[in-house]
Protein backbone atom coordinates (compact mmCIF):
# COMPACT_ATOMS: atom_id res chain seq x y z
CA MET A 1 126.96 113.53 95.55
CA GLY A 2 125.73 115.79 92.78
CA GLY A 3 127.22 119.24 93.26
CA SER A 4 127.37 120.15 89.56
CA GLY A 5 124.21 122.25 89.37
CA ASN A 6 121.47 121.19 86.99
CA ARG A 7 123.63 118.82 84.93
CA LEU A 8 124.51 115.23 85.73
CA ASP A 9 128.20 114.39 85.61
CA GLY A 10 129.38 111.31 83.70
CA ARG A 11 129.11 108.94 86.66
CA GLU A 12 125.69 110.24 87.71
CA TYR A 13 124.39 109.88 84.15
CA GLN A 14 125.78 106.35 83.93
CA VAL A 15 124.14 105.30 87.21
CA TRP A 16 120.84 106.99 86.31
CA ARG A 17 120.71 105.25 82.91
CA ALA A 18 121.68 101.92 84.49
CA PHE A 19 118.85 102.32 87.01
CA HIS A 20 116.36 102.95 84.21
CA ARG A 21 117.64 100.03 82.12
CA MET A 22 117.41 97.73 85.14
CA HIS A 23 113.89 98.91 85.98
CA ASP A 24 112.64 98.69 82.40
CA GLN A 25 114.18 95.28 81.67
CA LEU A 26 113.04 93.82 84.98
CA SER A 27 109.50 95.12 84.47
CA LEU A 28 109.43 93.74 80.92
CA ALA A 29 110.68 90.31 82.01
CA LEU A 30 108.23 90.09 84.93
CA ASN A 31 105.36 91.26 82.74
CA GLN A 32 106.16 88.70 80.04
CA HIS A 33 106.41 85.95 82.64
CA LEU A 34 103.05 86.85 84.18
CA GLN A 35 101.40 87.12 80.75
CA ARG A 36 102.78 83.77 79.60
CA ASP A 37 102.23 81.78 82.79
CA ALA A 38 99.17 83.40 84.39
CA GLY A 39 97.45 85.39 81.64
CA ILE A 40 97.69 88.65 83.58
CA SER A 41 99.93 91.69 83.27
CA GLU A 42 102.24 93.09 85.93
CA PRO A 43 99.81 96.00 86.57
CA ASP A 44 96.98 93.43 86.89
CA PHE A 45 99.09 91.55 89.42
CA GLN A 46 99.84 94.71 91.41
CA VAL A 47 96.15 95.62 91.65
CA LEU A 48 95.05 92.07 92.45
CA ALA A 49 97.75 91.58 95.09
CA ALA A 50 96.83 94.86 96.81
CA LEU A 51 93.14 93.91 96.85
CA ALA A 52 93.79 90.32 97.96
CA GLU A 53 95.75 91.62 100.97
CA ALA A 54 93.20 94.30 101.89
CA PRO A 55 90.54 93.95 104.56
CA ARG A 56 87.43 92.40 102.97
CA GLN A 57 89.53 92.17 99.77
CA ALA A 58 88.36 95.63 98.74
CA LEU A 59 89.68 99.19 98.84
CA ARG A 60 88.27 102.60 97.99
CA SER A 61 89.69 103.78 94.67
CA ARG A 62 91.65 106.51 96.47
CA GLU A 63 93.17 104.01 98.90
CA LEU A 64 94.13 101.68 96.05
CA ARG A 65 95.68 104.60 94.15
CA GLU A 66 97.71 105.56 97.23
CA GLU A 67 98.75 101.95 97.83
CA LEU A 68 100.00 101.58 94.25
CA GLN A 69 101.32 105.15 93.91
CA TRP A 70 99.48 105.53 90.61
CA GLU A 71 97.82 108.51 89.00
CA LYS A 72 94.02 108.62 89.06
CA SER A 73 93.63 108.17 85.30
CA ARG A 74 96.03 105.22 85.17
CA LEU A 75 94.10 103.41 87.89
CA ALA A 76 90.73 104.19 86.29
CA HIS A 77 91.83 102.74 82.94
CA GLN A 78 93.41 99.69 84.58
CA ILE A 79 90.32 98.96 86.69
CA ARG A 80 88.04 99.35 83.65
CA ARG A 81 90.11 96.79 81.70
CA MET A 82 90.18 94.41 84.66
CA GLU A 83 86.41 94.76 85.17
CA GLN A 84 85.84 93.78 81.55
CA ARG A 85 87.81 90.58 82.19
CA GLY A 86 85.94 89.82 85.42
CA LEU A 87 88.96 90.24 87.74
CA VAL A 88 87.53 93.12 89.81
CA VAL A 89 84.23 94.92 90.32
CA ARG A 90 83.47 98.47 91.36
CA ASP A 91 80.87 98.91 94.05
CA GLU A 92 79.33 102.06 95.44
CA CYS A 93 81.02 103.01 98.69
CA LEU A 94 78.51 102.76 101.51
CA GLU A 95 80.26 105.42 103.62
CA ASP A 96 80.58 107.91 100.75
CA GLY A 97 78.20 107.73 97.81
CA ARG A 98 80.62 109.75 95.64
CA ALA A 99 83.41 107.20 96.03
CA ALA A 100 83.82 103.77 94.48
CA THR A 101 85.14 100.65 96.17
CA VAL A 102 87.16 98.22 94.07
CA ARG A 103 86.73 94.58 95.05
CA ILE A 104 88.57 91.52 93.80
CA THR A 105 86.32 88.83 92.29
CA ASP A 106 86.69 85.08 92.74
CA ALA A 107 88.29 84.96 89.28
CA GLY A 108 90.73 87.71 90.26
CA LEU A 109 91.59 85.94 93.49
CA THR A 110 92.18 82.70 91.61
CA SER A 111 94.41 84.52 89.10
CA VAL A 112 96.57 86.27 91.70
CA ARG A 113 96.92 83.15 93.82
CA ALA A 114 97.92 81.10 90.77
CA ALA A 115 100.51 83.70 89.77
CA ALA A 116 101.95 84.62 93.18
CA GLN A 117 104.37 81.77 93.81
CA ALA A 118 105.84 81.73 90.29
CA HIS A 119 106.05 85.53 90.32
CA ALA A 120 107.94 85.50 93.63
CA ALA A 121 110.30 82.85 92.26
CA MET A 122 110.97 84.99 89.18
CA VAL A 123 111.60 88.10 91.31
CA ARG A 124 114.05 86.08 93.40
CA GLU A 125 115.81 84.67 90.31
CA LEU A 126 116.07 87.92 88.36
CA PHE A 127 116.64 90.38 91.20
CA PHE A 128 117.63 88.97 94.58
CA ASP A 129 119.84 86.13 93.30
CA ALA A 130 121.83 88.68 91.26
CA LEU A 131 122.85 90.60 94.41
CA THR A 132 125.26 89.74 97.18
CA PRO A 133 124.10 90.40 100.75
CA THR A 134 126.30 93.52 100.78
CA GLN A 135 124.78 94.78 97.52
CA LEU A 136 121.29 94.07 98.82
CA ASP A 137 122.00 96.11 101.96
CA ALA A 138 123.42 98.95 99.86
CA PHE A 139 120.42 98.83 97.51
CA ASP A 140 118.04 98.95 100.46
CA GLU A 141 119.94 101.84 102.04
CA ALA A 142 120.07 103.78 98.77
CA GLY A 143 116.35 103.24 98.15
CA ALA A 144 115.50 104.43 101.66
CA ALA A 145 117.63 107.56 101.18
CA VAL A 146 115.89 108.42 97.90
CA ILE A 147 112.45 107.83 99.45
CA GLU A 148 113.35 110.07 102.38
CA ARG A 149 114.37 112.80 99.94
CA LEU A 150 111.08 112.35 98.07
CA ARG A 151 109.19 112.52 101.35
CA GLN A 152 110.89 115.83 102.18
CA ARG A 153 110.55 117.39 98.73
CA CYS A 154 107.37 115.76 97.38
CA PRO A 155 105.43 114.53 100.43
CA VAL A 156 102.18 113.82 98.59
CA GLU A 157 103.87 111.57 96.04
CA ALA A 158 106.26 109.65 98.28
CA PRO A 159 105.50 106.12 99.47
CA ARG A 160 104.98 105.39 103.15
CA PRO A 161 107.97 104.42 105.32
CA GLY A 162 109.35 100.97 104.56
CA GLU A 163 107.70 100.88 101.12
CA TRP A 164 110.33 102.27 98.81
CA ALA A 165 110.38 99.48 96.27
């Protein structure tokens, strides 16, 4: 696929735009659902879920950034907003005084637990229920191929194996 130099052909452009529309509309719908039903945003949910699943429910900022595949400034702004709402706290890292550890609070844990089941149901309804098993396999295979290409061409930015979504 894609032998036409630096330009996308009509089919490639159509698929690329469809991918972006799907991503944007799905993100918007999930964000609105989380805001309405749990009072948190999708980025809040991503941070809280990562911290809730982490050992001691805390991660160094760098580890959290790598887990989420976010830029440093995006994470810093997100954590600051979440701290102001009492969902997370930043602690000094005992192993490295220059680093910060982000820890989920009881309020953050309550929020993510309250949102998790409804969020999963919405993901199933809007994404998985729209795909046949064959489409799901193809989607998984396509995602893995793109992630492998990213790993080869942009190794610092690519997610770890099995984490392409």
